[in-house]
């Protein structure tokens, strides 16, 4: 026998067949058992059908099942491709949102630091103003407007260099 093919005797329907194949004999027996089961289903459903018609009908049913399985496989592959594309898009969106989050966090820390500096500066000015003049003095000339008390980081750098 060419290429190590083995002869296997199987029963399919009412016939015994001598098959030769290179595959595992158990695989061939299982395949033949499935074919026999398909033919048995057809003959049980249509008891008066002749054996060759039962075989043809079983073949048509199995080809139909195979085509349906192929269609399902194609749909599953399309769904997988769509899911992979969505995953890529979602990962890109996640990366963008993470970058935006870190930028917002940096901004928040910057503004929190700026508030701390302003509060410190305001406390210093309040302390100096309370120390220099008594609390009872409320002349308009001694009251500083809020605009005069506001300062930026750059203003603080310039004032600290002057000291």
N, C-alpha and C. Protein backbone atom coordinates (compact mmCIF):
# COMPACT_ATOMS: atom_id res chain seq x y z
N UNK A 1 0.84 -1.19 0.00
CA UNK A 1 0.00 0.00 0.00
C UNK A 1 0.87 1.23 0.00
N UNK A 2 0.51 2.22 -0.81
CA UNK A 2 1.33 3.42 -0.89
C UNK A 2 1.21 4.27 0.38
N UNK A 3 2.32 4.89 0.77
CA UNK A 3 2.37 5.86 1.87
C UNK A 3 1.86 5.32 3.20
N UNK A 4 2.00 4.05 3.47
CA UNK A 4 1.60 3.49 4.75
C UNK A 4 0.11 3.47 4.99
N UNK A 5 -0.69 3.37 3.94
CA UNK A 5 -2.14 3.31 4.11
C UNK A 5 -2.53 1.96 4.71
N UNK A 6 -3.56 1.98 5.54
CA UNK A 6 -4.05 0.77 6.19
C UNK A 6 -5.46 0.49 5.71
N UNK A 7 -5.77 -0.80 5.59
CA UNK A 7 -7.12 -1.20 5.20
C UNK A 7 -7.95 -1.39 6.46
N UNK A 8 -9.15 -0.81 6.41
CA UNK A 8 -10.05 -0.87 7.55
C UNK A 8 -11.42 -1.27 7.04
N UNK A 9 -12.05 -2.23 7.71
CA UNK A 9 -13.37 -2.67 7.32
C UNK A 9 -14.39 -1.98 8.23
N UNK A 10 -15.38 -1.28 7.60
CA UNK A 10 -16.40 -0.56 8.36
C UNK A 10 -17.78 -0.86 7.78
N UNK A 11 -18.82 -0.70 8.63
CA UNK A 11 -20.19 -0.90 8.17
C UNK A 11 -20.86 0.47 8.17
N UNK A 12 -21.38 0.85 7.01
CA UNK A 12 -22.10 2.11 6.86
C UNK A 12 -23.43 1.76 6.21
N UNK A 13 -24.50 2.09 6.93
CA UNK A 13 -25.83 1.70 6.43
C UNK A 13 -25.95 0.19 6.50
N UNK A 14 -26.35 -0.42 5.42
CA UNK A 14 -26.48 -1.88 5.38
C UNK A 14 -25.31 -2.53 4.64
N UNK A 15 -24.31 -1.75 4.31
CA UNK A 15 -23.19 -2.25 3.52
C UNK A 15 -21.90 -2.27 4.35
N UNK A 16 -21.02 -3.19 4.03
CA UNK A 16 -19.69 -3.26 4.64
C UNK A 16 -18.71 -2.78 3.59
N UNK A 17 -17.85 -1.86 4.01
CA UNK A 17 -16.88 -1.26 3.08
C UNK A 17 -15.47 -1.53 3.57
N UNK A 18 -14.58 -1.72 2.61
CA UNK A 18 -13.15 -1.87 2.89
C UNK A 18 -12.51 -0.52 2.54
N UNK A 19 -12.08 0.24 3.57
CA UNK A 19 -11.48 1.55 3.35
C UNK A 19 -9.98 1.47 3.57
N UNK A 20 -9.24 2.24 2.80
CA UNK A 20 -7.80 2.34 3.04
C UNK A 20 -7.47 3.81 3.21
N UNK A 21 -6.72 4.09 4.29
CA UNK A 21 -6.39 5.49 4.60
C UNK A 21 -5.10 5.53 5.40
N UNK A 22 -4.43 6.65 5.32
CA UNK A 22 -3.20 6.85 6.06
C UNK A 22 -3.47 7.32 7.49
N UNK A 23 -4.69 7.78 7.76
CA UNK A 23 -5.03 8.26 9.09
C UNK A 23 -5.09 7.12 10.09
N UNK A 24 -5.23 7.50 11.33
CA UNK A 24 -5.39 6.55 12.43
C UNK A 24 -6.63 5.71 12.18
N UNK A 25 -6.54 4.39 12.32
CA UNK A 25 -7.71 3.54 12.08
C UNK A 25 -8.90 3.90 12.97
N UNK A 26 -8.64 4.32 14.19
CA UNK A 26 -9.74 4.69 15.09
C UNK A 26 -10.48 5.91 14.54
N UNK A 27 -9.75 6.87 13.97
CA UNK A 27 -10.37 8.05 13.37
C UNK A 27 -11.29 7.63 12.22
N UNK A 28 -10.84 6.71 11.39
CA UNK A 28 -11.64 6.24 10.25
C UNK A 28 -12.89 5.52 10.77
N UNK A 29 -12.75 4.70 11.82
CA UNK A 29 -13.90 4.01 12.37
C UNK A 29 -14.94 5.01 12.93
N UNK A 30 -14.46 6.04 13.62
CA UNK A 30 -15.37 7.06 14.17
C UNK A 30 -16.08 7.81 13.05
N UNK A 31 -15.35 8.13 11.98
CA UNK A 31 -15.95 8.82 10.84
C UNK A 31 -17.02 7.94 10.19
N UNK A 32 -16.72 6.68 10.03
CA UNK A 32 -17.69 5.74 9.44
C UNK A 32 -18.90 5.60 10.35
N UNK A 33 -18.69 5.62 11.65
CA UNK A 33 -19.82 5.51 12.60
C UNK A 33 -20.73 6.73 12.47
N UNK A 34 -20.16 7.89 12.28
CA UNK A 34 -20.97 9.10 12.08
C UNK A 34 -21.78 8.98 10.79
N UNK A 35 -21.13 8.52 9.72
CA UNK A 35 -21.83 8.34 8.44
C UNK A 35 -22.96 7.32 8.61
N UNK A 36 -22.71 6.22 9.32
CA UNK A 36 -23.74 5.21 9.56
C UNK A 36 -24.90 5.80 10.34
N UNK A 37 -24.60 6.62 11.34
CA UNK A 37 -25.64 7.27 12.14
C UNK A 37 -26.50 8.20 11.28
N UNK A 38 -25.87 8.95 10.37
CA UNK A 38 -26.62 9.84 9.48
C UNK A 38 -27.58 9.04 8.59
N UNK A 39 -27.11 7.94 8.07
CA UNK A 39 -27.96 7.10 7.21
C UNK A 39 -29.07 6.47 8.04
N UNK A 40 -28.76 6.07 9.26
CA UNK A 40 -29.79 5.47 10.14
C UNK A 40 -30.89 6.48 10.44
N UNK A 41 -30.51 7.74 10.67
CA UNK A 41 -31.52 8.77 10.94
C UNK A 41 -32.45 8.94 9.74
N UNK A 42 -31.88 8.94 8.55
CA UNK A 42 -32.70 9.10 7.34
C UNK A 42 -33.65 7.91 7.18
N UNK A 43 -33.12 6.70 7.39
CA UNK A 43 -33.97 5.51 7.20
C UNK A 43 -35.04 5.40 8.28
N UNK A 44 -34.76 5.91 9.49
CA UNK A 44 -35.79 5.91 10.54
C UNK A 44 -36.89 6.92 10.22
N UNK A 45 -36.48 8.04 9.64
CA UNK A 45 -37.48 9.07 9.30
C UNK A 45 -38.30 8.66 8.08
N UNK A 46 -37.64 8.03 7.13
CA UNK A 46 -38.30 7.57 5.89
C UNK A 46 -38.07 6.06 5.77
N UNK A 47 -38.86 5.25 6.42
CA UNK A 47 -38.59 3.80 6.48
C UNK A 47 -38.70 3.08 5.12
N UNK A 48 -39.44 3.60 4.18
CA UNK A 48 -39.63 2.91 2.90
C UNK A 48 -38.69 3.40 1.80
N UNK A 49 -37.68 4.21 2.17
CA UNK A 49 -36.74 4.73 1.17
C UNK A 49 -35.71 3.65 0.84
N UNK A 50 -35.28 3.59 -0.43
CA UNK A 50 -34.27 2.58 -0.79
C UNK A 50 -32.89 3.00 -0.26
N UNK A 51 -31.98 2.09 -0.07
CA UNK A 51 -30.68 2.38 0.55
C UNK A 51 -29.85 3.43 -0.18
N UNK A 52 -29.84 3.42 -1.49
CA UNK A 52 -29.01 4.43 -2.19
C UNK A 52 -29.61 5.83 -2.03
N UNK A 53 -30.94 5.93 -2.01
CA UNK A 53 -31.58 7.24 -1.79
C UNK A 53 -31.31 7.72 -0.36
N UNK A 54 -31.31 6.82 0.60
CA UNK A 54 -31.01 7.16 1.98
C UNK A 54 -29.58 7.68 2.09
N UNK A 55 -28.67 7.03 1.37
CA UNK A 55 -27.27 7.47 1.38
C UNK A 55 -27.12 8.86 0.77
N UNK A 56 -27.83 9.08 -0.35
CA UNK A 56 -27.76 10.39 -1.00
C UNK A 56 -28.36 11.46 -0.10
N UNK A 57 -29.50 11.17 0.51
CA UNK A 57 -30.13 12.13 1.40
C UNK A 57 -29.24 12.42 2.62
N UNK A 58 -28.61 11.40 3.16
CA UNK A 58 -27.68 11.59 4.28
C UNK A 58 -26.50 12.45 3.83
N UNK A 59 -26.01 12.22 2.62
CA UNK A 59 -24.91 13.02 2.08
C UNK A 59 -25.33 14.48 1.93
N UNK A 60 -26.52 14.70 1.38
CA UNK A 60 -27.01 16.08 1.22
C UNK A 60 -27.16 16.75 2.60
N UNK A 61 -27.69 16.03 3.58
CA UNK A 61 -27.81 16.58 4.94
C UNK A 61 -26.45 16.93 5.53
N UNK A 62 -25.49 16.05 5.33
CA UNK A 62 -24.15 16.32 5.89
C UNK A 62 -23.47 17.48 5.17
N UNK A 63 -23.66 17.59 3.86
CA UNK A 63 -23.10 18.73 3.13
C UNK A 63 -23.75 20.03 3.60
N UNK A 64 -25.06 19.99 3.83
CA UNK A 64 -25.77 21.16 4.36
C UNK A 64 -25.22 21.54 5.74
N UNK A 65 -25.04 20.56 6.61
CA UNK A 65 -24.49 20.83 7.95
C UNK A 65 -23.07 21.41 7.84
N UNK A 66 -22.29 20.89 6.91
CA UNK A 66 -20.93 21.39 6.71
C UNK A 66 -20.95 22.85 6.24
N UNK A 67 -21.83 23.16 5.31
CA UNK A 67 -21.91 24.53 4.80
C UNK A 67 -22.39 25.49 5.89
N UNK A 68 -23.36 25.05 6.69
CA UNK A 68 -23.81 25.89 7.80
C UNK A 68 -22.67 26.14 8.78
N UNK A 69 -21.89 25.11 9.06
CA UNK A 69 -20.74 25.26 9.97
C UNK A 69 -19.71 26.22 9.37
N UNK A 70 -19.50 26.14 8.06
CA UNK A 70 -18.57 27.07 7.40
C UNK A 70 -19.07 28.51 7.51
N UNK A 71 -20.39 28.70 7.28
CA UNK A 71 -20.96 30.04 7.42
C UNK A 71 -20.83 30.57 8.83
N UNK A 72 -21.09 29.72 9.81
CA UNK A 72 -20.93 30.11 11.22
C UNK A 72 -19.48 30.47 11.52
N UNK A 73 -18.57 29.69 10.96
CA UNK A 73 -17.14 29.97 11.16
C UNK A 73 -16.76 31.32 10.54
N UNK A 74 -17.24 31.59 9.34
CA UNK A 74 -16.97 32.87 8.70
C UNK A 74 -17.53 34.03 9.52
N UNK A 75 -18.76 33.87 10.03
CA UNK A 75 -19.36 34.91 10.87
C UNK A 75 -18.55 35.10 12.15
N UNK A 76 -18.11 33.99 12.73
CA UNK A 76 -17.31 34.08 13.96
C UNK A 76 -15.98 34.78 13.69
N UNK A 77 -15.38 34.50 12.54
CA UNK A 77 -14.12 35.17 12.19
C UNK A 77 -14.33 36.67 11.96
N UNK A 78 -15.45 37.02 11.33
CA UNK A 78 -15.78 38.44 11.14
C UNK A 78 -16.00 39.12 12.49
N UNK A 79 -16.75 38.44 13.37
CA UNK A 79 -16.99 38.98 14.71
C UNK A 79 -15.68 39.15 15.47
N UNK A 80 -14.80 38.18 15.31
CA UNK A 80 -13.50 38.26 15.98
C UNK A 80 -12.71 39.46 15.44
N UNK A 81 -12.72 39.63 14.12
CA UNK A 81 -12.00 40.75 13.51
C UNK A 81 -12.57 42.08 14.00
N UNK A 82 -13.89 42.16 14.07
CA UNK A 82 -14.54 43.38 14.57
C UNK A 82 -14.15 43.62 16.03
N UNK A 83 -14.16 42.55 16.81
CA UNK A 83 -13.80 42.68 18.23
C UNK A 83 -12.35 43.11 18.40
N UNK A 84 -11.47 42.58 17.57
CA UNK A 84 -10.05 42.97 17.64
C UNK A 84 -9.91 44.45 17.28
N UNK A 85 -10.62 44.89 16.26
CA UNK A 85 -10.57 46.31 15.86
C UNK A 85 -11.10 47.20 16.98
N UNK A 86 -12.21 46.78 17.60
CA UNK A 86 -12.77 47.57 18.71
C UNK A 86 -11.79 47.59 19.88
N UNK A 87 -11.12 46.48 20.12
CA UNK A 87 -10.14 46.42 21.21
C UNK A 87 -9.02 47.43 20.96
N UNK A 88 -8.55 47.50 19.72
CA UNK A 88 -7.50 48.46 19.37
C UNK A 88 -7.99 49.88 19.60
N UNK A 89 -9.21 50.17 19.16
CA UNK A 89 -9.78 51.50 19.35
C UNK A 89 -9.95 51.84 20.82
N UNK A 90 -10.43 50.87 21.59
CA UNK A 90 -10.64 51.10 23.02
C UNK A 90 -9.31 51.31 23.73
N UNK A 91 -8.30 50.55 23.36
CA UNK A 91 -6.97 50.73 23.97
C UNK A 91 -6.40 52.10 23.63
N UNK A 92 -6.62 52.56 22.40
CA UNK A 92 -6.15 53.89 22.02
C UNK A 92 -6.89 54.96 22.82
N UNK A 93 -8.20 54.78 22.99
CA UNK A 93 -8.99 55.73 23.77
C UNK A 93 -8.55 55.72 25.23
N UNK A 94 -8.26 54.54 25.75
CA UNK A 94 -7.78 54.42 27.13
C UNK A 94 -6.44 55.15 27.29
N UNK A 95 -5.55 54.98 26.34
CA UNK A 95 -4.26 55.68 26.40
C UNK A 95 -4.46 57.20 26.36
N UNK A 96 -5.38 57.64 25.49
CA UNK A 96 -5.66 59.07 25.40
C UNK A 96 -6.24 59.59 26.71
N UNK A 97 -7.16 58.84 27.29
CA UNK A 97 -7.77 59.26 28.56
C UNK A 97 -6.76 59.24 29.71
N UNK A 98 -5.85 58.27 29.70
CA UNK A 98 -4.81 58.25 30.72
C UNK A 98 -3.91 59.48 30.60
N UNK A 99 -3.57 59.82 29.37
CA UNK A 99 -2.74 61.02 29.15
C UNK A 99 -3.49 62.26 29.63
N UNK A 100 -4.77 62.34 29.31
CA UNK A 100 -5.59 63.47 29.75
C UNK A 100 -5.69 63.51 31.27
N UNK A 101 -5.85 62.34 31.89
CA UNK A 101 -5.91 62.26 33.34
C UNK A 101 -4.63 62.79 33.97
N UNK A 102 -3.48 62.36 33.45
CA UNK A 102 -2.21 62.80 34.02
C UNK A 102 -2.01 64.30 33.81
N UNK A 103 -2.45 64.81 32.68
CA UNK A 103 -2.35 66.26 32.45
C UNK A 103 -3.23 67.02 33.45
N UNK A 104 -4.44 66.53 33.67
CA UNK A 104 -5.33 67.17 34.64
C UNK A 104 -4.75 67.07 36.06
N UNK A 105 -4.14 65.95 36.36
CA UNK A 105 -3.53 65.79 37.68
C UNK A 105 -2.36 66.76 37.86
N UNK A 106 -1.56 66.91 36.81
CA UNK A 106 -0.46 67.88 36.88
C UNK A 106 -1.02 69.29 37.07
N UNK A 107 -2.08 69.62 36.32
CA UNK A 107 -2.70 70.95 36.47
C UNK A 107 -3.24 71.13 37.89
N UNK A 108 -3.89 70.11 38.41
CA UNK A 108 -4.43 70.18 39.75
C UNK A 108 -3.32 70.42 40.78
N UNK A 109 -2.24 69.69 40.65
CA UNK A 109 -1.11 69.88 41.57
C UNK A 109 -0.51 71.27 41.43
N UNK A 110 -0.43 71.77 40.21
CA UNK A 110 0.09 73.12 39.98
C UNK A 110 -0.80 74.14 40.68
N UNK A 111 -2.12 74.04 40.49
CA UNK A 111 -3.03 75.01 41.08
C UNK A 111 -3.13 74.84 42.60
N UNK A 112 -3.01 73.62 43.08
CA UNK A 112 -2.99 73.41 44.52
C UNK A 112 -1.74 74.08 45.13
N UNK A 113 -0.62 73.91 44.47
CA UNK A 113 0.62 74.55 44.92
C UNK A 113 0.49 76.07 44.86
N UNK A 114 -0.10 76.57 43.79
CA UNK A 114 -0.30 78.01 43.65
C UNK A 114 -1.21 78.53 44.77
N UNK A 115 -2.26 77.78 45.10
CA UNK A 115 -3.15 78.19 46.21
C UNK A 115 -2.38 78.20 47.52
N UNK A 116 -1.55 77.20 47.73
CA UNK A 116 -0.75 77.16 48.96
C UNK A 116 0.17 78.37 49.04
N UNK A 117 0.78 78.72 47.92
CA UNK A 117 1.67 79.89 47.90
C UNK A 117 0.88 81.16 48.19
N UNK A 118 -0.27 81.31 47.57
CA UNK A 118 -1.10 82.49 47.80
C UNK A 118 -1.58 82.55 49.25
N UNK A 119 -1.99 81.43 49.79
CA UNK A 119 -2.43 81.41 51.18
C UNK A 119 -1.28 81.77 52.11
N UNK A 120 -0.10 81.27 51.80
CA UNK A 120 1.07 81.60 52.62
C UNK A 120 1.38 83.09 52.52
N UNK A 121 1.36 83.61 51.32
CA UNK A 121 1.64 85.03 51.10
C UNK A 121 0.58 85.89 51.79
N UNK A 122 -0.68 85.49 51.68
CA UNK A 122 -1.76 86.21 52.32
C UNK A 122 -1.60 86.19 53.85
N UNK A 123 -1.20 85.03 54.37
CA UNK A 123 -0.97 84.92 55.81
C UNK A 123 0.18 85.84 56.23
N UNK A 124 1.24 85.89 55.43
CA UNK A 124 2.37 86.77 55.74
C UNK A 124 1.92 88.22 55.74
N UNK A 125 1.17 88.61 54.73
CA UNK A 125 0.69 89.99 54.65
C UNK A 125 -0.26 90.32 55.80
N UNK A 126 -1.13 89.39 56.14
CA UNK A 126 -2.05 89.60 57.25
C UNK A 126 -1.27 89.71 58.56
N UNK A 127 -0.28 88.88 58.74
CA UNK A 127 0.54 88.92 59.95
C UNK A 127 1.29 90.24 60.05
N UNK A 128 1.88 90.67 58.93
CA UNK A 128 2.63 91.94 58.93
C UNK A 128 1.70 93.12 59.18
N UNK A 129 0.54 93.09 58.55
CA UNK A 129 -0.38 94.22 58.72
C UNK A 129 -0.95 94.25 60.14
N UNK A 130 -1.19 93.11 60.75
CA UNK A 130 -1.69 93.07 62.13
C UNK A 130 -0.59 93.45 63.12
N UNK A 131 0.63 93.14 62.80
CA UNK A 131 1.74 93.44 63.68
C UNK A 131 2.08 94.93 63.67
N UNK A 132 2.01 95.54 62.50
CA UNK A 132 2.40 96.93 62.35
C UNK A 132 1.34 97.85 62.90
N UNK A 133 0.08 97.65 62.61
CA UNK A 133 -0.96 98.56 63.08
C UNK A 133 -1.96 97.79 63.93
N UNK A 134 -2.55 98.43 64.83
CA UNK A 134 -3.53 97.78 65.70
C UNK A 134 -4.76 97.34 64.92
N UNK A 135 -5.49 96.40 65.47
CA UNK A 135 -6.66 95.86 64.80
C UNK A 135 -7.79 96.87 64.72
N UNK A 136 -7.81 97.89 65.58
CA UNK A 136 -8.90 98.84 65.58
C UNK A 136 -8.81 99.80 64.40
N UNK A 137 -7.63 100.01 63.85
CA UNK A 137 -7.45 100.98 62.77
C UNK A 137 -8.07 100.41 61.51
N UNK A 138 -9.03 101.13 60.96
CA UNK A 138 -9.70 100.67 59.73
C UNK A 138 -9.83 101.82 58.75
N UNK A 139 -8.85 102.67 58.72
CA UNK A 139 -8.88 103.77 57.76
C UNK A 139 -8.77 103.21 56.36
N UNK A 140 -9.40 103.84 55.43
CA UNK A 140 -9.38 103.40 54.04
C UNK A 140 -7.97 103.40 53.48
N UNK A 141 -7.12 104.30 53.97
CA UNK A 141 -5.76 104.36 53.44
C UNK A 141 -4.93 103.16 53.88
N UNK A 142 -5.29 102.54 55.01
CA UNK A 142 -4.52 101.39 55.50
C UNK A 142 -5.05 100.05 54.98
N UNK A 143 -6.21 100.04 54.36
CA UNK A 143 -6.80 98.80 53.88
C UNK A 143 -6.28 98.52 52.48
N UNK A 144 -5.78 97.32 52.28
CA UNK A 144 -5.29 96.90 50.96
C UNK A 144 -6.42 96.22 50.21
N UNK A 145 -6.51 96.51 48.95
CA UNK A 145 -7.53 95.83 48.14
C UNK A 145 -7.05 94.40 47.85
N UNK A 146 -7.98 93.56 47.45
CA UNK A 146 -7.64 92.18 47.12
C UNK A 146 -6.68 92.11 45.95
N UNK A 147 -6.83 93.00 44.97
CA UNK A 147 -5.93 93.03 43.82
C UNK A 147 -4.50 93.29 44.24
N UNK A 148 -4.31 94.15 45.25
CA UNK A 148 -2.94 94.44 45.70
C UNK A 148 -2.34 93.25 46.43
N UNK A 149 -3.17 92.41 47.01
CA UNK A 149 -2.67 91.26 47.75
C UNK A 149 -2.43 90.06 46.85
N UNK A 150 -3.04 89.99 45.70
CA UNK A 150 -2.84 88.86 44.81
C UNK A 150 -1.46 88.92 44.20
N UNK A 151 -0.86 87.77 44.05
CA UNK A 151 0.47 87.68 43.48
C UNK A 151 0.58 86.38 42.70
N UNK A 152 1.53 86.30 41.83
CA UNK A 152 1.74 85.09 41.07
C UNK A 152 3.07 84.47 41.49
N UNK A 153 3.35 83.30 40.98
CA UNK A 153 4.61 82.63 41.32
C UNK A 153 5.78 83.47 40.85
N UNK A 154 5.65 84.07 39.67
CA UNK A 154 6.71 84.91 39.15
C UNK A 154 6.97 86.10 40.08
N UNK A 155 5.89 86.72 40.62
CA UNK A 155 6.03 87.84 41.55
C UNK A 155 6.77 87.40 42.81
N UNK A 156 6.47 86.20 43.28
CA UNK A 156 7.14 85.71 44.48
C UNK A 156 8.61 85.47 44.23
N UNK A 157 8.92 84.93 43.02
CA UNK A 157 10.33 84.72 42.68
C UNK A 157 11.10 86.03 42.67
N UNK A 158 10.49 87.06 42.09
CA UNK A 158 11.14 88.38 41.99
C UNK A 158 11.33 88.96 43.40
N UNK A 159 10.31 88.85 44.28
CA UNK A 159 10.40 89.41 45.64
C UNK A 159 11.42 88.64 46.46
N UNK A 160 11.52 87.31 46.25
CA UNK A 160 12.48 86.54 47.02
C UNK A 160 13.92 86.85 46.57
N UNK A 161 14.09 87.21 45.30
CA UNK A 161 15.42 87.59 44.83
C UNK A 161 15.82 88.95 45.37
N UNK A 162 14.84 89.84 45.62
CA UNK A 162 15.11 91.17 46.16
C UNK A 162 15.58 91.08 47.62
N UNK A 163 15.18 90.10 48.35
CA UNK A 163 15.50 89.99 49.78
C UNK A 163 16.92 89.64 50.01
